[in-house]
Amino acid sequence: MGTPTARLAELGLTLPPVAAPLAAYVPATVVGDQVWTSGQLPLVEGGLPLTGLVGRDVSVEQAAELARLCALNGLAAAASVAGGLDRIGRVLKAVVYVASAPGFTGQPAVGNGASQLLGDVFGEAGAHVRSAVGAAALPLDAPVEVELVLQLAG
């Protein structure tokens, strides 16, 4: 199936530059054999492609694509501290925060955008546990934010 880097290229994607933190934290850190990322927004070239609440301002389909971008940004942050994407052996957990309009309950469908990208890049090693959580608001009025926990390759 090839390396994660090769699979990412097959998807027509490259890791973006790691986003600068918005406050006093680091984008990712290594703890033992794990890499933990801070919450990653769907930033593209330093800006958000969409803002607002999912279910009001942003569709589920758009939000799922934004979750995919968040996961890609998370992989960039993780790779920056792991010594490259191919040093990551497995995805353990994803937490997807969805800025949700009142009554919106489609958070799992939004989270699938992130989960599907992780599966596409890591194959079976991309299978992970996940939480998809509704939030009243997220930083910068982002519709979605994703955190990752990854395991380094043996």
C-alpha atoms as a PDB file:
ATOM      1  CA  MET A   1       0.000   0.000   0.000  1.00  0.00           C
ATOM      2  CA  GLY A   2       3.014   2.299   0.266  1.00  0.00           C
ATOM      3  CA  THR A   3       4.080   4.843   2.837  1.00  0.00           C
ATOM      4  CA  PRO A   4       1.793   7.494   4.294  1.00  0.00           C
ATOM      5  CA  THR A   5       3.703  10.106   2.286  1.00  0.00           C
ATOM      6  CA  ALA A   6       3.152   8.143  -0.929  1.00  0.00           C
ATOM      7  CA  ARG A   7      -0.556   7.661  -0.177  1.00  0.00           C
ATOM      8  CA  LEU A   8      -0.911  11.366   0.550  1.00  0.00           C
ATOM      9  CA  ALA A   9       0.666  12.119  -2.836  1.00  0.00           C
ATOM     10  CA  GLU A  10      -1.699   9.618  -4.507  1.00  0.00           C
ATOM     11  CA  LEU A  11      -4.564  11.669  -3.048  1.00  0.00           C
ATOM     12  CA  GLY A  12      -3.059  14.764  -4.668  1.00  0.00           C
ATOM     13  CA  LEU A  13      -2.230  16.259  -1.268  1.00  0.00           C
ATOM     14  CA  THR A  14       0.860  17.590   0.434  1.00  0.00           C
ATOM     15  CA  LEU A  15       1.361  18.523   4.052  1.00  0.00           C
ATOM     16  CA  PRO A  16       0.795  22.240   4.531  1.00  0.00           C
ATOM     17  CA  PRO A  17       3.078  24.420   6.628  1.00  0.00           C
ATOM     18  CA  VAL A  18       2.386  24.010  10.348  1.00  0.00           C
ATOM     19  CA  ALA A  19       0.017  26.732  11.511  1.00  0.00           C
ATOM     20  CA  ALA A  20       1.421  29.124  14.077  1.00  0.00           C
ATOM     21  CA  PRO A  21      -0.252  28.770  17.478  1.00  0.00           C
ATOM     22  CA  LEU A  22      -2.943  31.341  18.281  1.00  0.00           C
ATOM     23  CA  ALA A  23      -1.914  31.497  21.969  1.00  0.00           C
ATOM     24  CA  ALA A  24       0.544  29.973  24.463  1.00  0.00           C
ATOM     25  CA  TYR A  25       0.821  26.349  23.313  1.00  0.00           C
ATOM     26  CA  VAL A  26       2.683  24.178  20.797  1.00  0.00           C
ATOM     27  CA  PRO A  27       1.077  22.598  17.720  1.00  0.00           C
ATOM     28  CA  ALA A  28       2.196  19.068  18.650  1.00  0.00           C
ATOM     29  CA  THR A  29       4.312  17.215  21.169  1.00  0.00           C
ATOM     30  CA  VAL A  30       5.825  13.751  21.496  1.00  0.00           C
ATOM     31  CA  VAL A  31       5.128  11.800  24.699  1.00  0.00           C
ATOM     32  CA  GLY A  32       6.797   8.397  24.762  1.00  0.00           C
ATOM     33  CA  ASP A  33       5.738   6.652  21.556  1.00  0.00           C
ATOM     34  CA  GLN A  34       2.780   8.977  20.957  1.00  0.00           C
ATOM     35  CA  VAL A  35       2.278  12.299  19.216  1.00  0.00           C
ATOM     36  CA  TRP A  36      -0.485  14.572  20.521  1.00  0.00           C
ATOM     37  CA  THR A  37      -1.656  17.550  18.504  1.00  0.00           C
ATOM     38  CA  SER A  38      -3.311  20.712  19.667  1.00  0.00           C
ATOM     39  CA  GLY A  39      -6.669  21.474  18.142  1.00  0.00           C
ATOM     40  CA  GLN A  40      -6.163  22.176  14.454  1.00  0.00           C
ATOM     41  CA  LEU A  41      -8.377  24.574  12.538  1.00  0.00           C
ATOM     42  CA  PRO A  42      -9.110  24.251   8.808  1.00  0.00           C
ATOM     43  CA  LEU A  43      -6.624  26.976   7.933  1.00  0.00           C
ATOM     44  CA  VAL A  44      -5.560  27.328   4.316  1.00  0.00           C
ATOM     45  CA  GLU A  45      -2.659  29.711   3.723  1.00  0.00           C
ATOM     46  CA  GLY A  46      -3.315  31.296   7.105  1.00  0.00           C
ATOM     47  CA  GLY A  47      -7.053  31.883   6.685  1.00  0.00           C
ATOM     48  CA  LEU A  48     -10.340  30.081   7.182  1.00  0.00           C
ATOM     49  CA  PRO A  49     -12.203  29.206   3.968  1.00  0.00           C
ATOM     50  CA  LEU A  50     -15.550  29.327   5.820  1.00  0.00           C
ATOM     51  CA  THR A  51     -16.747  30.547   9.205  1.00  0.00           C
ATOM     52  CA  GLY A  52     -19.867  30.146  11.286  1.00  0.00           C
ATOM     53  CA  LEU A  53     -22.060  27.440  12.705  1.00  0.00           C
ATOM     54  CA  VAL A  54     -22.622  24.087  11.049  1.00  0.00           C
ATOM     55  CA  GLY A  55     -26.297  23.573  10.334  1.00  0.00           C
ATOM     56  CA  ARG A  56     -26.849  27.302   9.862  1.00  0.00           C
ATOM     57  CA  ASP A  57     -23.958  28.950   7.973  1.00  0.00           C
ATOM     58  CA  VAL A  58     -22.038  25.866   6.856  1.00  0.00           C
ATOM     59  CA  SER A  59     -23.482  22.648   5.400  1.00  0.00           C
ATOM     60  CA  VAL A  60     -22.604  19.190   6.691  1.00  0.00           C
ATOM     61  CA  GLU A  61     -20.759  18.487   3.422  1.00  0.00           C
ATOM     62  CA  GLN A  62     -18.734  21.692   3.698  1.00  0.00           C
ATOM     63  CA  ALA A  63     -17.973  20.978   7.355  1.00  0.00           C
ATOM     64  CA  ALA A  64     -16.797  17.442   6.537  1.00  0.00           C
ATOM     65  CA  GLU A  65     -14.375  18.918   3.995  1.00  0.00           C
ATOM     66  CA  LEU A  66     -13.192  21.391   6.638  1.00  0.00           C
ATOM     67  CA  ALA A  67     -12.668  18.482   9.064  1.00  0.00           C
ATOM     68  CA  ARG A  68     -10.531  16.857   6.380  1.00  0.00           C
ATOM     69  CA  LEU A  69      -8.433  20.037   6.212  1.00  0.00           C
ATOM     70  CA  CYS A  70      -8.130  20.049  10.014  1.00  0.00           C
ATOM     71  CA  ALA A  71      -6.853  16.457   9.938  1.00  0.00           C
ATOM     72  CA  LEU A  72      -4.341  17.330   7.218  1.00  0.00           C
ATOM     73  CA  ASN A  73      -3.125  20.251   9.322  1.00  0.00           C
ATOM     74  CA  GLY A  74      -2.908  17.893  12.299  1.00  0.00           C
ATOM     75  CA  LEU A  75      -0.771  15.476  10.312  1.00  0.00           C
ATOM     76  CA  ALA A  76       1.540  18.356   9.362  1.00  0.00           C
ATOM     77  CA  ALA A  77       1.892  19.343  13.033  1.00  0.00           C
ATOM     78  CA  ALA A  78       2.509  15.732  14.049  1.00  0.00           C
ATOM     79  CA  ALA A  79       5.042  15.138  11.277  1.00  0.00           C
ATOM     80  CA  SER A  80       6.944  18.260  12.339  1.00  0.00           C
ATOM     81  CA  VAL A  81       7.743  16.747  15.750  1.00  0.00           C
ATOM     82  CA  ALA A  82       7.868  13.076  14.738  1.00  0.00           C
ATOM     83  CA  GLY A  83      10.613  13.403  12.135  1.00  0.00           C
ATOM     84  CA  GLY A  84       8.281  13.143   9.144  1.00  0.00           C
ATOM     85  CA  LEU A  85       4.916  11.653   8.254  1.00  0.00           C
ATOM     86  CA  ASP A  86       6.364   8.201   7.666  1.00  0.00           C
ATOM     87  CA  ARG A  87       7.501   8.051  11.307  1.00  0.00           C
ATOM     88  CA  ILE A  88       3.835   7.864  12.296  1.00  0.00           C
ATOM     89  CA  GLY A  89       2.736   4.259  12.487  1.00  0.00           C
ATOM     90  CA  ARG A  90      -0.860   4.458  13.622  1.00  0.00           C
ATOM     91  CA  VAL A  91      -3.743   6.789  14.371  1.00  0.00           C
ATOM     92  CA  LEU A  92      -5.094   6.201  17.873  1.00  0.00           C
ATOM     93  CA  LYS A  93      -7.730   8.881  18.409  1.00  0.00           C
ATOM     94  CA  ALA A  94      -9.401  11.867  16.796  1.00  0.00           C
ATOM     95  CA  VAL A  95     -11.534  14.435  18.580  1.00  0.00           C
ATOM     96  CA  VAL A  96     -13.692  16.545  16.285  1.00  0.00           C
ATOM     97  CA  TYR A  97     -15.265  19.728  17.617  1.00  0.00           C
ATOM     98  CA  VAL A  98     -18.124  21.108  15.551  1.00  0.00           C
ATOM     99  CA  ALA A  99     -19.418  24.651  16.055  1.00  0.00           C
ATOM    100  CA  SER A 100     -23.066  23.675  15.939  1.00  0.00           C
ATOM    101  CA  ALA A 101     -26.254  25.614  15.337  1.00  0.00           C
ATOM    102  CA  PRO A 102     -28.928  25.009  17.985  1.00  0.00           C
ATOM    103  CA  GLY A 103     -30.498  21.596  17.425  1.00  0.00           C
ATOM    104  CA  PHE A 104     -27.762  20.372  15.050  1.00  0.00           C
ATOM    105  CA  THR A 105     -26.941  16.716  15.712  1.00  0.00           C
ATOM    106  CA  GLY A 106     -24.879  15.747  12.645  1.00  0.00           C
ATOM    107  CA  GLN A 107     -21.478  15.951  14.322  1.00  0.00           C
ATOM    108  CA  PRO A 108     -20.572  12.320  13.423  1.00  0.00           C
ATOM    109  CA  ALA A 109     -21.082  13.037   9.706  1.00  0.00           C
ATOM    110  CA  VAL A 110     -18.800  16.060   9.978  1.00  0.00           C
ATOM    111  CA  GLY A 111     -16.177  13.979  11.789  1.00  0.00           C
ATOM    112  CA  ASN A 112     -16.174  11.481   8.952  1.00  0.00           C
ATOM    113  CA  GLY A 113     -14.272  14.001   6.838  1.00  0.00           C
ATOM    114  CA  ALA A 114     -11.304  13.742   9.196  1.00  0.00           C
ATOM    115  CA  SER A 115     -11.652  10.001   9.756  1.00  0.00           C
ATOM    116  CA  GLN A 116     -11.815   9.201   6.055  1.00  0.00           C
ATOM    117  CA  LEU A 117      -8.647  11.182   5.342  1.00  0.00           C
ATOM    118  CA  LEU A 118      -6.814   9.367   8.137  1.00  0.00           C
ATOM    119  CA  GLY A 119      -7.958   6.024   6.727  1.00  0.00           C
ATOM    120  CA  ASP A 120      -6.922   7.024   3.214  1.00  0.00           C
ATOM    121  CA  VAL A 121      -3.430   8.011   4.389  1.00  0.00           C
ATOM    122  CA  PHE A 122      -2.751   5.204   6.886  1.00  0.00           C
ATOM    123  CA  GLY A 123      -4.920   2.339   5.613  1.00  0.00           C
ATOM    124  CA  GLU A 124      -5.795  -0.127   8.387  1.00  0.00           C
ATOM    125  CA  ALA A 125      -3.442   1.757  10.715  1.00  0.00           C
ATOM    126  CA  GLY A 126      -5.748   4.745  10.282  1.00  0.00           C
ATOM    127  CA  ALA A 127      -8.636   3.042  12.114  1.00  0.00           C
ATOM    128  CA  HIS A 128      -9.112   5.005  15.333  1.00  0.00           C
ATOM    129  CA  VAL A 129     -11.447   5.854  18.166  1.00  0.00           C
ATOM    130  CA  ARG A 130     -13.225   9.180  17.814  1.00  0.00           C
ATOM    131  CA  SER A 131     -15.397  11.686  19.579  1.00  0.00           C
ATOM    132  CA  ALA A 132     -17.474  14.220  17.646  1.00  0.00           C
ATOM    133  CA  VAL A 133     -18.586  17.012  19.946  1.00  0.00           C
ATOM    134  CA  GLY A 134     -20.892  19.955  19.371  1.00  0.00           C
ATOM    135  CA  ALA A 135     -19.636  23.344  20.563  1.00  0.00           C
ATOM    136  CA  ALA A 136     -21.264  26.765  20.795  1.00  0.00           C
ATOM    137  CA  ALA A 137     -18.255  28.437  19.143  1.00  0.00           C
ATOM    138  CA  LEU A 138     -14.666  27.684  18.157  1.00  0.00           C
ATOM    139  CA  PRO A 139     -11.588  29.912  17.797  1.00  0.00           C
ATOM    140  CA  LEU A 140     -11.771  32.492  14.985  1.00  0.00           C
ATOM    141  CA  ASP A 141     -15.389  31.424  14.339  1.00  0.00           C
ATOM    142  CA  ALA A 142     -14.090  28.203  12.742  1.00  0.00           C
ATOM    143  CA  PRO A 143     -16.794  25.638  12.026  1.00  0.00           C
ATOM    144  CA  VAL A 144     -14.574  22.660  12.918  1.00  0.00           C
ATOM    145  CA  GLU A 145     -11.472  21.851  14.984  1.00  0.00           C
ATOM    146  CA  VAL A 146      -9.682  18.476  15.197  1.00  0.00           C
ATOM    147  CA  GLU A 147      -7.205  17.008  17.704  1.00  0.00           C
ATOM    148  CA  LEU A 148      -5.206  13.848  16.975  1.00  0.00           C
ATOM    149  CA  VAL A 149      -3.354  11.257  19.031  1.00  0.00           C
ATOM    150  CA  LEU A 150      -0.963   9.166  16.938  1.00  0.00           C
ATOM    151  CA  GLN A 151       1.508   6.399  17.654  1.00  0.00           C
ATOM    152  CA  LEU A 152       5.039   6.471  16.299  1.00  0.00           C
ATOM    153  CA  ALA A 153       6.145   3.615  14.076  1.00  0.00           C
ATOM    154  CA  GLY A 154       7.894   0.755  15.869  1.00  0.00           C
END
